């Protein structure tokens, strides 16, 4: 029985030990939250930059051709895709620009808004002078802004309808 005896000075866990454990857990939790936030911001920023780049490239190409447009599409829960079209022909490959979970909203020149939806590609047309037009169907549907979001992070892509100038705004 003497070998099973407990030490008389064993008093359990001290307050200092509990505080140290909680501090370590807080640091680890902060690192996890920060890394998740950085990844989310990266996806939104990347999508906005790629959409802006596609718009600028198509605008530049359209200035020396007959017409140019960018088709932006998304399948729910899937990537955002961009396809450039010059003189009625696909220009390059359809490219994935946004990760699943990224939402693309848009604003038209008349102030109405919409969200990129499945089964319909959003077309942004450029004329030979670089301005944004409503395309061959002349629907009056001119897109002037994209809002790319993922959770609480939002990045705007503004398109000037008169000059075609594209600007990325990170609030």
Protein backbone atom coordinates (compact mmCIF):
# COMPACT_ATOMS: atom_id res chain seq x y z
CA UNK A 1 0.00 0.00 0.00
CA UNK A 2 2.86 2.38 0.52
CA UNK A 3 3.69 2.32 -3.20
CA UNK A 4 0.20 3.57 -4.13
CA UNK A 5 0.28 6.60 -1.87
CA UNK A 6 -0.28 10.09 -3.32
CA UNK A 7 2.10 12.88 -2.64
CA UNK A 8 0.88 15.29 -0.04
CA UNK A 9 2.00 18.34 -2.08
CA UNK A 10 -0.15 17.49 -5.17
CA UNK A 11 -2.65 20.36 -5.24
CA UNK A 12 -3.87 20.20 -8.91
CA UNK A 13 -3.53 22.82 -11.63
CA UNK A 14 -2.50 26.33 -10.70
CA UNK A 15 -4.14 29.50 -11.99
CA UNK A 16 -0.92 30.42 -13.83
CA UNK A 17 -0.95 27.11 -15.71
CA UNK A 18 -4.57 27.69 -16.81
CA UNK A 19 -3.75 31.21 -18.00
CA UNK A 20 -0.76 29.92 -20.01
CA UNK A 21 -2.90 27.22 -21.69
CA UNK A 22 -5.63 29.76 -22.54
CA UNK A 23 -3.06 32.16 -23.97
CA UNK A 24 -1.60 29.43 -26.20
CA UNK A 25 -5.10 28.46 -27.38
CA UNK A 26 -5.92 32.13 -28.15
CA UNK A 27 -2.76 32.51 -30.24
CA UNK A 28 -3.49 29.33 -32.21
CA UNK A 29 -7.12 30.39 -32.73
CA UNK A 30 -6.02 33.82 -33.95
CA UNK A 31 -3.63 32.29 -36.46
CA UNK A 32 -6.39 30.03 -37.85
CA UNK A 33 -8.88 32.93 -38.18
CA UNK A 34 -6.27 35.20 -39.77
CA UNK A 35 -5.17 32.58 -42.31
CA UNK A 36 -8.81 31.90 -43.29
CA UNK A 37 -9.45 35.63 -43.69
CA UNK A 38 -6.33 36.10 -45.83
CA UNK A 39 -7.37 33.21 -48.11
CA UNK A 40 -10.87 34.68 -48.54
CA UNK A 41 -9.47 38.13 -49.36
CA UNK A 42 -7.02 36.61 -51.83
CA UNK A 43 -9.82 34.89 -53.79
CA UNK A 44 -11.90 38.07 -54.02
CA UNK A 45 -8.93 40.27 -54.98
CA UNK A 46 -7.72 37.74 -57.55
CA UNK A 47 -11.16 37.44 -59.18
CA UNK A 48 -11.56 41.23 -59.39
CA UNK A 49 -8.08 41.70 -60.85
CA UNK A 50 -8.62 38.98 -63.47
CA UNK A 51 -12.02 40.35 -64.53
CA UNK A 52 -10.52 43.85 -64.81
CA UNK A 53 -7.58 42.52 -66.81
CA UNK A 54 -9.89 40.67 -69.23
CA UNK A 55 -12.00 43.80 -69.71
CA UNK A 56 -8.94 45.98 -70.36
CA UNK A 57 -7.39 43.49 -72.76
CA UNK A 58 -10.63 43.07 -74.73
CA UNK A 59 -11.11 46.86 -74.88
CA UNK A 60 -7.60 47.29 -76.28
CA UNK A 61 -8.10 44.56 -78.88
CA UNK A 62 -11.55 45.90 -79.88
CA UNK A 63 -10.04 49.29 -80.70
CA UNK A 64 -8.26 47.76 -83.69
CA UNK A 65 -11.03 45.37 -84.73
CA UNK A 66 -14.73 45.48 -85.50
CA UNK A 67 -16.00 44.44 -82.07
CA UNK A 68 -14.98 42.91 -78.78
CA UNK A 69 -16.80 41.52 -75.79
CA UNK A 70 -16.21 39.68 -72.56
CA UNK A 71 -18.55 36.91 -71.45
CA UNK A 72 -18.60 36.32 -67.69
CA UNK A 73 -20.42 33.26 -66.37
CA UNK A 74 -20.72 31.17 -63.22
CA UNK A 75 -22.29 27.88 -62.31
CA UNK A 76 -23.67 28.00 -58.72
CA UNK A 77 -21.10 26.59 -56.30
CA UNK A 78 -18.50 26.59 -59.08
CA UNK A 79 -15.85 28.89 -60.48
CA UNK A 80 -16.41 32.23 -62.24
CA UNK A 81 -15.37 32.01 -65.90
CA UNK A 82 -14.34 34.63 -68.46
CA UNK A 83 -14.28 34.23 -72.25
CA UNK A 84 -13.07 37.02 -74.52
CA UNK A 85 -14.73 37.32 -77.95
CA UNK A 86 -13.25 39.41 -80.77
CA UNK A 87 -15.05 39.93 -84.09
CA UNK A 88 -17.51 37.18 -83.20
CA UNK A 89 -14.82 34.54 -82.49
CA UNK A 90 -13.58 33.24 -79.16
CA UNK A 91 -10.26 34.86 -78.35
CA UNK A 92 -8.21 32.45 -76.28
CA UNK A 93 -9.63 29.90 -73.88
CA UNK A 94 -12.43 30.21 -71.37
CA UNK A 95 -10.57 31.00 -68.16
CA UNK A 96 -11.49 30.39 -64.53
CA UNK A 97 -11.09 33.65 -62.61
CA UNK A 98 -12.97 33.13 -59.34
CA UNK A 99 -13.16 30.30 -56.80
CA UNK A 100 -16.36 28.64 -55.56
CA UNK A 101 -18.02 30.87 -52.98
CA UNK A 102 -17.20 34.06 -54.86
CA UNK A 103 -20.32 35.98 -55.90
CA UNK A 104 -20.36 38.48 -58.77
CA UNK A 105 -23.02 41.21 -58.67
CA UNK A 106 -23.26 43.87 -61.35
CA UNK A 107 -24.77 47.31 -61.84
CA UNK A 108 -26.12 48.60 -65.15
CA UNK A 109 -25.85 52.16 -66.45
CA UNK A 110 -29.53 52.74 -65.55
CA UNK A 111 -28.77 51.85 -61.89
CA UNK A 112 -30.46 48.44 -61.88
CA UNK A 113 -28.51 45.55 -60.36
CA UNK A 114 -28.22 41.82 -60.81
CA UNK A 115 -26.26 38.77 -59.78
CA UNK A 116 -24.37 36.49 -62.11
CA UNK A 117 -26.57 33.42 -62.43
CA UNK A 118 -26.34 29.92 -63.82
CA UNK A 119 -27.03 29.30 -67.48
CA UNK A 120 -26.64 32.92 -68.57
CA UNK A 121 -23.43 34.64 -69.57
CA UNK A 122 -23.12 38.34 -68.92
CA UNK A 123 -21.73 40.13 -71.98
CA UNK A 124 -19.80 43.39 -71.85
CA UNK A 125 -19.29 44.89 -75.31
CA UNK A 126 -16.66 47.37 -76.46
CA UNK A 127 -16.79 49.53 -79.58
CA UNK A 128 -13.90 50.47 -81.86
CA UNK A 129 -13.33 53.66 -79.88
CA UNK A 130 -13.02 51.71 -76.61
CA UNK A 131 -16.34 52.74 -75.08
CA UNK A 132 -18.77 50.23 -73.58
CA UNK A 133 -21.80 49.55 -75.79
CA UNK A 134 -24.98 47.53 -75.50
CA UNK A 135 -23.85 45.11 -78.20
CA UNK A 136 -25.33 44.09 -81.50
CA UNK A 137 -28.86 43.70 -80.09
CA UNK A 138 -28.92 47.31 -78.76
CA UNK A 139 -30.76 46.35 -75.58
CA UNK A 140 -29.47 49.37 -73.66
CA UNK A 141 -27.94 46.95 -71.17
CA UNK A 142 -24.56 48.52 -70.34
CA UNK A 143 -22.66 47.22 -67.31
CA UNK A 144 -20.78 49.88 -65.33
CA UNK A 145 -19.74 48.05 -62.15
CA UNK A 146 -18.98 44.62 -60.78
CA UNK A 147 -19.08 43.79 -57.08
CA UNK A 148 -17.08 40.67 -56.22
CA UNK A 149 -17.79 39.29 -52.75
CA UNK A 150 -16.96 36.30 -50.60
CA UNK A 151 -18.38 36.55 -47.11
CA UNK A 152 -17.64 40.00 -45.73
CA UNK A 153 -14.95 40.99 -48.27
CA UNK A 154 -16.02 43.10 -51.28
CA UNK A 155 -13.98 44.46 -54.19
CA UNK A 156 -15.47 46.70 -56.89
CA UNK A 157 -14.55 46.82 -60.58
CA UNK A 158 -15.77 50.06 -62.14
CA UNK A 159 -16.13 50.42 -65.91
CA UNK A 160 -16.54 53.91 -67.40
CA UNK A 161 -19.13 53.50 -70.17
CA UNK A 162 -17.77 56.44 -72.19
CA UNK A 163 -14.06 55.60 -72.20
CA UNK A 164 -14.10 51.90 -71.27
CA UNK A 165 -11.55 52.64 -68.55
CA UNK A 166 -11.50 49.91 -65.88
CA UNK A 167 -10.67 50.57 -62.22
CA UNK A 168 -10.41 48.13 -59.30
CA UNK A 169 -11.54 49.62 -55.97
CA UNK A 170 -10.66 47.77 -52.77
CA UNK A 171 -12.72 49.34 -49.96
